[in-house]
Amino acid sequence: MSRCINILDTDIEGLYVLERDLLGDKRGYLERLFCSDELTALIADKRIEQINRTLTEARHTVRGMHFQYPPYAEIKLVSCLQGEVLDVAVDVRAGSPTFLKWHAEVLSAENHRSLLIPEGFAHGFQTLTDKCELIYFHTASYEASAEGGLNPLDPRLSIDWPAPVSCLSDRDAGHPYLDEGFLGVEI
C-alpha cells in the first residue's frame, strides 16, 4: 500500500509536520487525515481516544497554550479544515534540551498539513483568516484536573504571533506568566 502521509522533522525532537497526499479525480479528492499504519512509529502503542473540532469566527484570535499533565498527557494531531492558522507547539518537557522553545506551522485547508504534537508540549494557534475550523485527534481524553496552560503572550516564550491578538478567552489570558520556578512537565 502506498503512503498517503509524508512525515517531516522539525527542529524540536518528537514534533512533526505531516503532509497529506490527495487522491483525486474530476469529482474532487479523498484525503487521509489519520492512519495508524502510517503513524505507528510516532504514536507507538497509543490510540486515538478523543476527536475534537473547533470553529473560531474571527481573524487574529488566539486559542491556547494548553497541555495536560500525566497521566493524562496526550499526543495531538491537529489539522485545519477551513481557513488558515499559525499553529504553535511549545516544549514543556522537564530536562528537554529544547525546553520552552516553540515551533510554528501554517496549517490550512489548502496546504493539507498537520502538526503532530507529542506529550509534554503546550499547543495553541492564531487564526489568520475568519472562520477557521480545526480537527484534533487526541491519544487521551480531556481531564479538567490535569489541565495546564501557558499564557500565549508570555514574554519568556516570545511567540512571534503574526498579528496583534484581537481576541483571547479569559481562561487563556488568565494563565500567569512563567517564573523561574516552572521546571516543566515530567513525561
N, C-alpha and C. Protein backbone atom coordinates (compact mmCIF):
# COMPACT_ATOMS: atom_id res chain seq x y z
N MET A 1 0.84 -1.18 0.00
CA MET A 1 0.00 0.00 0.00
C MET A 1 0.89 1.24 0.00
N SER A 2 0.56 2.21 -0.80
CA SER A 2 1.36 3.43 -0.85
C SER A 2 1.03 4.33 0.33
N ARG A 3 2.01 5.11 0.71
CA ARG A 3 1.83 6.04 1.82
C ARG A 3 1.05 7.26 1.34
N CYS A 4 0.17 7.75 2.19
CA CYS A 4 -0.62 8.95 1.90
C CYS A 4 -0.22 10.11 2.80
N ILE A 5 0.64 9.81 3.79
CA ILE A 5 1.06 10.84 4.75
C ILE A 5 2.58 10.89 4.75
N ASN A 6 3.13 12.06 4.45
CA ASN A 6 4.58 12.26 4.48
C ASN A 6 4.94 12.90 5.82
N ILE A 7 5.92 12.34 6.50
CA ILE A 7 6.32 12.80 7.83
C ILE A 7 7.59 13.64 7.71
N LEU A 8 7.51 14.88 8.18
CA LEU A 8 8.64 15.81 8.11
C LEU A 8 9.11 16.17 9.51
N ASP A 9 10.42 16.15 9.72
CA ASP A 9 11.00 16.55 11.01
C ASP A 9 10.89 18.06 11.19
N THR A 10 10.90 18.48 12.44
CA THR A 10 11.05 19.90 12.78
C THR A 10 12.36 20.05 13.55
N ASP A 11 12.63 21.24 14.04
CA ASP A 11 13.85 21.46 14.80
C ASP A 11 13.71 21.07 16.28
N ILE A 12 12.55 20.48 16.64
CA ILE A 12 12.34 20.01 18.01
C ILE A 12 12.05 18.51 17.96
N GLU A 13 12.84 17.74 18.69
CA GLU A 13 12.69 16.29 18.67
C GLU A 13 11.28 15.87 19.09
N GLY A 14 10.69 14.99 18.30
CA GLY A 14 9.38 14.44 18.61
C GLY A 14 8.21 15.21 18.02
N LEU A 15 8.46 16.41 17.51
CA LEU A 15 7.43 17.26 16.92
C LEU A 15 7.53 17.13 15.40
N TYR A 16 6.42 16.79 14.75
CA TYR A 16 6.45 16.50 13.31
C TYR A 16 5.38 17.27 12.56
N VAL A 17 5.70 17.59 11.32
CA VAL A 17 4.74 18.12 10.37
C VAL A 17 4.35 16.97 9.46
N LEU A 18 3.07 16.84 9.22
CA LEU A 18 2.58 15.82 8.32
C LEU A 18 2.01 16.49 7.08
N GLU A 19 2.41 16.02 5.93
CA GLU A 19 1.84 16.49 4.66
C GLU A 19 1.03 15.35 4.08
N ARG A 20 -0.21 15.63 3.75
CA ARG A 20 -1.11 14.60 3.25
C ARG A 20 -1.21 14.67 1.73
N ASP A 21 -1.05 13.52 1.09
CA ASP A 21 -1.25 13.44 -0.35
C ASP A 21 -2.75 13.27 -0.62
N LEU A 22 -3.19 13.88 -1.70
CA LEU A 22 -4.60 13.79 -2.09
C LEU A 22 -4.75 12.74 -3.17
N LEU A 23 -5.80 11.96 -3.07
CA LEU A 23 -6.16 11.00 -4.09
C LEU A 23 -7.39 11.58 -4.78
N GLY A 24 -7.20 12.11 -6.00
CA GLY A 24 -8.30 12.84 -6.61
C GLY A 24 -8.53 12.55 -8.06
N ASP A 25 -9.65 13.04 -8.51
CA ASP A 25 -10.03 13.00 -9.91
C ASP A 25 -10.96 14.18 -10.17
N LYS A 26 -11.68 14.16 -11.26
CA LYS A 26 -12.52 15.30 -11.64
C LYS A 26 -13.63 15.58 -10.64
N ARG A 27 -13.97 14.61 -9.79
CA ARG A 27 -15.03 14.80 -8.79
C ARG A 27 -14.54 15.55 -7.56
N GLY A 28 -13.24 15.50 -7.31
CA GLY A 28 -12.68 16.07 -6.09
C GLY A 28 -11.55 15.21 -5.59
N TYR A 29 -11.47 15.02 -4.27
CA TYR A 29 -10.37 14.23 -3.72
C TYR A 29 -10.77 13.54 -2.43
N LEU A 30 -9.96 12.55 -2.07
CA LEU A 30 -10.00 11.89 -0.78
C LEU A 30 -8.70 12.25 -0.08
N GLU A 31 -8.80 12.58 1.18
CA GLU A 31 -7.62 12.96 1.97
C GLU A 31 -7.63 12.15 3.25
N ARG A 32 -6.57 11.42 3.51
CA ARG A 32 -6.47 10.63 4.73
C ARG A 32 -5.95 11.52 5.85
N LEU A 33 -6.77 11.75 6.87
CA LEU A 33 -6.36 12.59 8.00
C LEU A 33 -5.56 11.81 9.04
N PHE A 34 -5.82 10.52 9.15
CA PHE A 34 -5.12 9.70 10.13
C PHE A 34 -5.04 8.28 9.61
N CYS A 35 -3.91 7.63 9.86
CA CYS A 35 -3.73 6.22 9.51
C CYS A 35 -2.78 5.62 10.54
N SER A 36 -3.28 4.72 11.36
CA SER A 36 -2.42 4.14 12.40
C SER A 36 -1.25 3.38 11.78
N ASP A 37 -1.46 2.73 10.64
CA ASP A 37 -0.35 2.02 9.99
C ASP A 37 0.79 2.96 9.61
N GLU A 38 0.45 4.14 9.10
CA GLU A 38 1.49 5.07 8.66
C GLU A 38 2.11 5.85 9.83
N LEU A 39 1.39 5.98 10.93
CA LEU A 39 1.88 6.80 12.04
C LEU A 39 2.29 5.99 13.26
N THR A 40 2.31 4.69 13.15
CA THR A 40 2.62 3.85 14.30
C THR A 40 3.98 4.17 14.92
N ALA A 41 4.94 4.54 14.13
CA ALA A 41 6.27 4.87 14.67
C ALA A 41 6.22 6.12 15.54
N LEU A 42 5.25 6.99 15.30
CA LEU A 42 5.16 8.24 16.05
C LEU A 42 4.24 8.16 17.26
N ILE A 43 3.24 7.30 17.20
CA ILE A 43 2.31 7.22 18.32
C ILE A 43 2.47 5.93 19.12
N ALA A 44 3.34 5.03 18.65
CA ALA A 44 3.69 3.78 19.33
C ALA A 44 2.44 3.00 19.72
N ASP A 45 2.31 2.71 21.00
CA ASP A 45 1.20 1.88 21.46
C ASP A 45 -0.03 2.70 21.85
N LYS A 46 -0.01 3.98 21.57
CA LYS A 46 -1.16 4.84 21.90
C LYS A 46 -2.25 4.64 20.86
N ARG A 47 -3.45 5.03 21.21
CA ARG A 47 -4.55 5.02 20.25
C ARG A 47 -5.36 6.30 20.41
N ILE A 48 -6.08 6.64 19.39
CA ILE A 48 -6.91 7.85 19.43
C ILE A 48 -8.07 7.61 20.39
N GLU A 49 -8.18 8.47 21.40
CA GLU A 49 -9.22 8.36 22.41
C GLU A 49 -10.31 9.41 22.25
N GLN A 50 -9.99 10.51 21.60
CA GLN A 50 -10.94 11.62 21.51
C GLN A 50 -10.66 12.40 20.24
N ILE A 51 -11.71 12.88 19.59
CA ILE A 51 -11.59 13.75 18.42
C ILE A 51 -12.42 14.99 18.69
N ASN A 52 -11.79 16.16 18.58
CA ASN A 52 -12.46 17.43 18.81
C ASN A 52 -12.40 18.31 17.56
N ARG A 53 -13.37 19.17 17.44
CA ARG A 53 -13.44 20.11 16.32
C ARG A 53 -13.71 21.49 16.90
N THR A 54 -13.00 22.50 16.40
CA THR A 54 -13.26 23.87 16.82
C THR A 54 -13.58 24.72 15.60
N LEU A 55 -14.38 25.73 15.83
CA LEU A 55 -14.63 26.77 14.84
C LEU A 55 -14.33 28.09 15.53
N THR A 56 -13.43 28.86 14.97
CA THR A 56 -13.09 30.17 15.51
C THR A 56 -13.51 31.19 14.47
N GLU A 57 -14.39 32.09 14.86
CA GLU A 57 -15.04 33.01 13.93
C GLU A 57 -14.12 34.12 13.40
N ALA A 58 -13.33 34.72 14.29
CA ALA A 58 -12.65 35.97 13.93
C ALA A 58 -11.16 35.80 13.69
N ARG A 59 -10.67 36.47 12.67
CA ARG A 59 -9.25 36.55 12.35
C ARG A 59 -8.48 37.13 13.53
N HIS A 60 -7.28 36.63 13.74
CA HIS A 60 -6.30 37.06 14.75
C HIS A 60 -6.63 36.61 16.17
N THR A 61 -7.66 35.78 16.31
CA THR A 61 -7.97 35.17 17.61
C THR A 61 -6.86 34.19 17.97
N VAL A 62 -6.51 34.14 19.25
CA VAL A 62 -5.56 33.13 19.74
C VAL A 62 -6.29 32.20 20.70
N ARG A 63 -6.07 30.92 20.50
CA ARG A 63 -6.53 29.89 21.44
C ARG A 63 -5.28 29.17 21.94
N GLY A 64 -5.20 29.00 23.26
CA GLY A 64 -4.06 28.26 23.82
C GLY A 64 -3.29 29.13 24.80
N MET A 65 -2.31 28.57 25.33
CA MET A 65 -1.49 27.40 25.03
C MET A 65 -1.81 26.30 26.07
N HIS A 66 -2.37 25.20 25.65
CA HIS A 66 -2.89 24.17 26.54
C HIS A 66 -2.06 22.89 26.49
N PHE A 67 -2.05 22.20 27.64
CA PHE A 67 -1.45 20.87 27.74
C PHE A 67 -2.09 20.15 28.90
N GLN A 68 -1.85 18.84 28.99
CA GLN A 68 -2.34 18.05 30.12
C GLN A 68 -1.15 17.39 30.82
N TYR A 69 -1.21 17.40 32.15
CA TYR A 69 -0.19 16.73 32.95
C TYR A 69 -0.43 15.22 32.94
N PRO A 70 0.66 14.44 33.10
CA PRO A 70 0.49 12.99 33.24
C PRO A 70 -0.38 12.69 34.47
N PRO A 71 -1.12 11.63 34.47
CA PRO A 71 -1.12 10.55 33.48
C PRO A 71 -2.05 10.81 32.28
N TYR A 72 -2.52 12.05 32.14
CA TYR A 72 -3.42 12.38 31.04
C TYR A 72 -2.71 13.11 29.90
N ALA A 73 -1.38 13.11 29.93
CA ALA A 73 -0.63 13.73 28.84
C ALA A 73 -1.05 13.08 27.53
N GLU A 74 -1.02 13.85 26.46
CA GLU A 74 -1.57 13.36 25.21
C GLU A 74 -0.70 13.75 24.02
N ILE A 75 -0.80 12.92 22.99
CA ILE A 75 -0.31 13.27 21.67
C ILE A 75 -1.50 13.90 20.96
N LYS A 76 -1.26 15.02 20.24
CA LYS A 76 -2.32 15.67 19.48
C LYS A 76 -1.91 15.70 18.01
N LEU A 77 -2.87 15.43 17.16
CA LEU A 77 -2.70 15.59 15.72
C LEU A 77 -3.70 16.66 15.31
N VAL A 78 -3.19 17.81 14.85
CA VAL A 78 -4.03 18.97 14.57
C VAL A 78 -4.02 19.27 13.08
N SER A 79 -5.22 19.42 12.51
CA SER A 79 -5.38 19.75 11.09
C SER A 79 -6.39 20.87 10.94
N CYS A 80 -6.19 21.69 9.93
CA CYS A 80 -7.10 22.80 9.63
C CYS A 80 -7.97 22.40 8.45
N LEU A 81 -9.28 22.42 8.63
CA LEU A 81 -10.23 22.01 7.59
C LEU A 81 -10.80 23.19 6.82
N GLN A 82 -10.75 24.37 7.43
CA GLN A 82 -11.27 25.58 6.79
C GLN A 82 -10.48 26.77 7.30
N GLY A 83 -10.10 27.66 6.40
CA GLY A 83 -9.34 28.84 6.80
C GLY A 83 -7.85 28.56 6.88
N GLU A 84 -7.16 29.38 7.70
CA GLU A 84 -5.71 29.27 7.85
C GLU A 84 -5.32 29.73 9.24
N VAL A 85 -4.44 28.97 9.89
CA VAL A 85 -3.97 29.31 11.23
C VAL A 85 -2.45 29.19 11.30
N LEU A 86 -1.87 29.90 12.26
CA LEU A 86 -0.49 29.66 12.66
C LEU A 86 -0.60 28.76 13.88
N ASP A 87 -0.20 27.51 13.73
CA ASP A 87 -0.30 26.52 14.80
C ASP A 87 1.03 26.46 15.53
N VAL A 88 1.00 26.52 16.86
CA VAL A 88 2.22 26.65 17.65
C VAL A 88 2.29 25.56 18.72
N ALA A 89 3.45 24.95 18.86
CA ALA A 89 3.72 23.98 19.93
C ALA A 89 4.94 24.45 20.71
N VAL A 90 4.84 24.40 22.04
CA VAL A 90 5.93 24.80 22.93
C VAL A 90 6.35 23.59 23.75
N ASP A 91 7.63 23.30 23.75
CA ASP A 91 8.19 22.18 24.50
C ASP A 91 8.21 22.53 25.99
N VAL A 92 7.43 21.79 26.79
CA VAL A 92 7.42 22.00 28.23
C VAL A 92 7.93 20.76 28.97
N ARG A 93 8.66 19.89 28.26
CA ARG A 93 9.19 18.67 28.88
C ARG A 93 10.36 19.03 29.80
N ALA A 94 10.23 18.61 31.05
CA ALA A 94 11.31 18.85 32.02
C ALA A 94 12.60 18.22 31.52
N GLY A 95 13.69 18.98 31.56
CA GLY A 95 15.00 18.48 31.18
C GLY A 95 15.25 18.42 29.69
N SER A 96 14.30 18.82 28.88
CA SER A 96 14.48 18.77 27.43
C SER A 96 15.51 19.81 26.99
N PRO A 97 16.36 19.48 26.03
CA PRO A 97 17.31 20.48 25.52
C PRO A 97 16.62 21.62 24.78
N THR A 98 15.37 21.43 24.42
CA THR A 98 14.61 22.50 23.74
C THR A 98 13.48 23.02 24.63
N PHE A 99 13.66 22.93 25.95
CA PHE A 99 12.66 23.39 26.91
C PHE A 99 12.28 24.85 26.63
N LEU A 100 10.99 25.10 26.52
CA LEU A 100 10.35 26.39 26.24
C LEU A 100 10.61 26.92 24.82
N LYS A 101 11.23 26.11 23.97
CA LYS A 101 11.37 26.50 22.58
C LYS A 101 10.04 26.21 21.88
N TRP A 102 9.68 27.06 20.94
CA TRP A 102 8.42 26.85 20.21
C TRP A 102 8.69 26.66 18.73
N HIS A 103 7.75 26.02 18.09
CA HIS A 103 7.78 25.81 16.64
C HIS A 103 6.39 26.12 16.12
N ALA A 104 6.33 26.79 14.97
CA ALA A 104 5.04 27.17 14.38
C ALA A 104 4.97 26.72 12.94
N GLU A 105 3.77 26.35 12.52
CA GLU A 105 3.49 25.96 11.14
C GLU A 105 2.18 26.59 10.71
N VAL A 106 2.13 27.05 9.49
CA VAL A 106 0.85 27.47 8.93
C VAL A 106 0.11 26.21 8.50
N LEU A 107 -1.09 26.04 9.03
CA LEU A 107 -1.97 24.95 8.63
C LEU A 107 -3.17 25.56 7.94
N SER A 108 -3.56 24.96 6.84
CA SER A 108 -4.71 25.49 6.11
C SER A 108 -5.42 24.37 5.36
N ALA A 109 -6.63 24.69 4.91
CA ALA A 109 -7.37 23.75 4.08
C ALA A 109 -6.63 23.53 2.76
N GLU A 110 -5.87 24.52 2.32
CA GLU A 110 -5.19 24.44 1.03
C GLU A 110 -3.86 23.68 1.09
N ASN A 111 -3.12 23.78 2.20
CA ASN A 111 -1.80 23.16 2.20
C ASN A 111 -1.79 21.71 2.72
N HIS A 112 -2.91 21.26 3.27
CA HIS A 112 -3.06 19.84 3.65
C HIS A 112 -1.95 19.37 4.59
N ARG A 113 -1.60 20.24 5.54
CA ARG A 113 -0.58 19.91 6.53
C ARG A 113 -1.23 19.73 7.90
N SER A 114 -0.58 18.95 8.73
CA SER A 114 -0.99 18.76 10.12
C SER A 114 0.25 18.89 10.99
N LEU A 115 0.02 19.14 12.27
CA LEU A 115 1.11 19.14 13.24
C LEU A 115 0.85 17.99 14.21
N LEU A 116 1.83 17.10 14.36
CA LEU A 116 1.74 16.01 15.32
C LEU A 116 2.55 16.43 16.54
N ILE A 117 1.85 16.66 17.63
CA ILE A 117 2.43 17.25 18.84
C ILE A 117 2.55 16.18 19.91
N PRO A 118 3.75 15.89 20.38
CA PRO A 118 3.92 14.82 21.37
C PRO A 118 3.49 15.25 22.77
N GLU A 119 3.46 14.28 23.66
CA GLU A 119 3.22 14.55 25.07
C GLU A 119 4.28 15.53 25.57
N GLY A 120 3.88 16.41 26.47
CA GLY A 120 4.84 17.35 27.04
C GLY A 120 5.00 18.62 26.24
N PHE A 121 4.02 18.94 25.41
CA PHE A 121 4.03 20.19 24.65
C PHE A 121 2.73 20.94 24.91
N ALA A 122 2.84 22.26 25.01
CA ALA A 122 1.66 23.13 25.03
C ALA A 122 1.31 23.46 23.59
N HIS A 123 0.03 23.62 23.33
CA HIS A 123 -0.43 23.86 21.96
C HIS A 123 -1.40 25.04 21.92
N GLY A 124 -1.28 25.82 20.85
CA GLY A 124 -2.22 26.91 20.60
C GLY A 124 -2.11 27.35 19.16
N PHE A 125 -2.94 28.30 18.79
CA PHE A 125 -2.90 28.81 17.42
C PHE A 125 -3.48 30.21 17.34
N GLN A 126 -3.11 30.91 16.26
CA GLN A 126 -3.73 32.19 15.92
C GLN A 126 -4.37 32.04 14.55
N THR A 127 -5.62 32.50 14.45
CA THR A 127 -6.32 32.43 13.17
C THR A 127 -5.79 33.53 12.25
N LEU A 128 -5.53 33.17 11.02
CA LEU A 128 -5.04 34.13 10.03
C LEU A 128 -6.16 34.57 9.09
N THR A 129 -7.29 33.89 9.16
CA THR A 129 -8.48 34.23 8.39
C THR A 129 -9.68 34.13 9.31
N ASP A 130 -10.81 34.61 8.86
CA ASP A 130 -12.07 34.40 9.58
C ASP A 130 -12.51 32.96 9.38
N LYS A 131 -13.35 32.50 10.27
CA LYS A 131 -13.98 31.17 10.17
C LYS A 131 -12.98 30.04 9.95
N CYS A 132 -12.18 29.80 10.98
CA CYS A 132 -11.20 28.71 10.93
C CYS A 132 -11.75 27.50 11.69
N GLU A 133 -11.70 26.38 11.01
CA GLU A 133 -12.17 25.13 11.59
C GLU A 133 -11.01 24.17 11.70
N LEU A 134 -10.79 23.64 12.91
CA LEU A 134 -9.72 22.68 13.17
C LEU A 134 -10.30 21.39 13.69
N ILE A 135 -9.59 20.29 13.40
CA ILE A 135 -9.93 18.99 13.96
C ILE A 135 -8.70 18.48 14.69
N TYR A 136 -8.92 17.93 15.90
CA TYR A 136 -7.84 17.43 16.75
C TYR A 136 -8.10 15.96 17.05
N PHE A 137 -7.08 15.14 16.87
CA PHE A 137 -7.11 13.76 17.30
C PHE A 137 -6.24 13.68 18.55
N HIS A 138 -6.77 13.12 19.64
CA HIS A 138 -6.07 13.07 20.93
C HIS A 138 -5.87 11.62 21.37
N THR A 139 -4.72 11.33 21.96
CA THR A 139 -4.48 9.98 22.50
C THR A 139 -4.91 9.85 23.96
N ALA A 140 -5.50 10.88 24.52
CA ALA A 140 -6.06 10.81 25.88
C ALA A 140 -7.31 11.68 25.91
N SER A 141 -8.25 11.27 26.73
CA SER A 141 -9.45 12.08 26.90
C SER A 141 -9.13 13.29 27.76
N TYR A 142 -9.88 14.36 27.55
CA TYR A 142 -9.67 15.58 28.33
C TYR A 142 -10.00 15.30 29.79
N GLU A 143 -9.14 15.79 30.67
CA GLU A 143 -9.34 15.69 32.12
C GLU A 143 -9.08 17.06 32.72
N ALA A 144 -10.14 17.72 33.18
CA ALA A 144 -10.03 19.10 33.69
C ALA A 144 -9.00 19.23 34.81
N SER A 145 -8.93 18.23 35.69
CA SER A 145 -7.99 18.32 36.82
C SER A 145 -6.53 18.22 36.38
N ALA A 146 -6.28 17.76 35.14
CA ALA A 146 -4.91 17.61 34.65
C ALA A 146 -4.52 18.72 33.68
N GLU A 147 -5.39 19.70 33.50
CA GLU A 147 -5.13 20.75 32.51
C GLU A 147 -4.05 21.71 32.99
N GLY A 148 -3.18 22.06 32.07
CA GLY A 148 -2.18 23.08 32.30
C GLY A 148 -2.23 24.08 31.16
N GLY A 149 -1.66 25.24 31.39
CA GLY A 149 -1.66 26.23 30.34
C GLY A 149 -0.57 27.26 30.52
N LEU A 150 -0.13 27.79 29.40
CA LEU A 150 0.83 28.89 29.38
C LEU A 150 0.12 30.10 28.81
N ASN A 151 0.51 31.27 29.27
CA ASN A 151 -0.06 32.49 28.72
C ASN A 151 0.55 32.72 27.33
N PRO A 152 -0.29 32.80 26.29
CA PRO A 152 0.26 32.94 24.94
C PRO A 152 1.01 34.25 24.70
N LEU A 153 0.85 35.20 25.60
CA LEU A 153 1.55 36.48 25.47
C LEU A 153 2.75 36.59 26.41
N ASP A 154 3.12 35.48 27.04
CA ASP A 154 4.24 35.47 27.99
C ASP A 154 5.54 35.88 27.28
N PRO A 155 6.20 36.94 27.78
CA PRO A 155 7.45 37.38 27.14
C PRO A 155 8.57 36.33 27.25
N ARG A 156 8.50 35.44 28.22
CA ARG A 156 9.52 34.40 28.33
C ARG A 156 9.43 33.43 27.15
N LEU A 157 8.23 33.23 26.61
CA LEU A 157 8.06 32.37 25.44
C LEU A 157 8.39 33.13 24.15
N SER A 158 8.07 34.41 24.12
CA SER A 158 8.31 35.26 22.95
C SER A 158 7.78 34.65 21.65
N ILE A 159 6.54 34.15 21.70
CA ILE A 159 5.94 33.61 20.48
C ILE A 159 5.71 34.76 19.52
N ASP A 160 6.15 34.58 18.31
CA ASP A 160 6.05 35.61 17.28
C ASP A 160 4.69 35.48 16.56
N TRP A 161 3.64 35.94 17.22
CA TRP A 161 2.32 35.92 16.60
C TRP A 161 2.34 36.86 15.40
N PRO A 162 1.79 36.44 14.27
CA PRO A 162 1.90 37.26 13.05
C PRO A 162 1.08 38.54 13.06
N ALA A 163 0.12 38.64 13.98
CA ALA A 163 -0.72 39.85 14.06
C ALA A 163 -1.03 40.12 15.53
N PRO A 164 -1.35 41.36 15.86
CA PRO A 164 -1.78 41.62 17.23
C PRO A 164 -2.97 40.73 17.59
N VAL A 165 -2.97 40.23 18.81
CA VAL A 165 -4.04 39.34 19.26
C VAL A 165 -5.31 40.16 19.45
N SER A 166 -6.37 39.81 18.69
CA SER A 166 -7.60 40.58 18.77
C SER A 166 -8.62 39.97 19.72
N CYS A 167 -8.46 38.69 20.03
CA CYS A 167 -9.42 38.02 20.91
C CYS A 167 -8.71 36.90 21.64
N LEU A 168 -8.88 36.86 22.95
CA LEU A 168 -8.27 35.85 23.80
C LEU A 168 -9.26 35.56 24.91
N SER A 169 -9.54 34.30 25.20
CA SER A 169 -10.51 33.97 26.24
C SER A 169 -9.98 34.41 27.61
N ASP A 170 -10.88 34.61 28.55
CA ASP A 170 -10.48 34.96 29.91
C ASP A 170 -9.60 33.86 30.50
N ARG A 171 -9.95 32.62 30.21
CA ARG A 171 -9.17 31.49 30.74
C ARG A 171 -7.74 31.54 30.22
N ASP A 172 -7.56 31.74 28.89
CA ASP A 172 -6.21 31.76 28.32
C ASP A 172 -5.43 32.99 28.78
N ALA A 173 -6.09 34.13 28.86
CA ALA A 173 -5.44 35.36 29.33
C ALA A 173 -5.07 35.26 30.81
N GLY A 174 -5.80 34.40 31.55
CA GLY A 174 -5.57 34.27 32.98
C GLY A 174 -4.41 33.36 33.37
N HIS A 175 -3.83 32.65 32.41
CA HIS A 175 -2.66 31.84 32.76
C HIS A 175 -1.53 32.79 33.12
N PRO A 176 -0.90 32.59 34.30
CA PRO A 176 0.17 33.50 34.70
C PRO A 176 1.41 33.35 33.82
N TYR A 177 2.20 34.40 33.79
CA TYR A 177 3.49 34.33 33.11
C TYR A 177 4.38 33.37 33.88
N LEU A 178 5.27 32.70 33.16
CA LEU A 178 6.18 31.76 33.77
C LEU A 178 7.22 32.47 34.63
N ASP A 179 7.57 31.82 35.72
CA ASP A 179 8.68 32.32 36.52
C ASP A 179 9.76 31.23 36.53
N GLU A 180 10.85 31.51 37.19
CA GLU A 180 11.97 30.56 37.21
C GLU A 180 11.61 29.25 37.91
N GLY A 181 10.50 29.24 38.65
CA GLY A 181 10.09 28.03 39.36
C GLY A 181 9.45 26.99 38.45
N PHE A 182 9.07 27.36 37.23
CA PHE A 182 8.47 26.40 36.32
C PHE A 182 9.59 25.60 35.66
N LEU A 183 9.68 24.33 36.02
CA LEU A 183 10.75 23.46 35.53
C LEU A 183 10.26 22.48 34.47
N GLY A 184 8.99 22.56 34.14
CA GLY A 184 8.47 21.71 33.08
C GLY A 184 7.63 20.57 33.58
N VAL A 185 7.25 19.71 32.65
CA VAL A 185 6.38 18.59 32.90
C VAL A 185 7.19 17.31 32.77
N GLU A 186 7.12 16.44 33.77
CA GLU A 186 7.81 15.15 33.73
C GLU A 186 6.99 14.19 32.87
N ILE A 187 7.58 13.75 31.79
CA ILE A 187 6.88 12.81 30.88
C ILE A 187 7.50 11.43 31.02
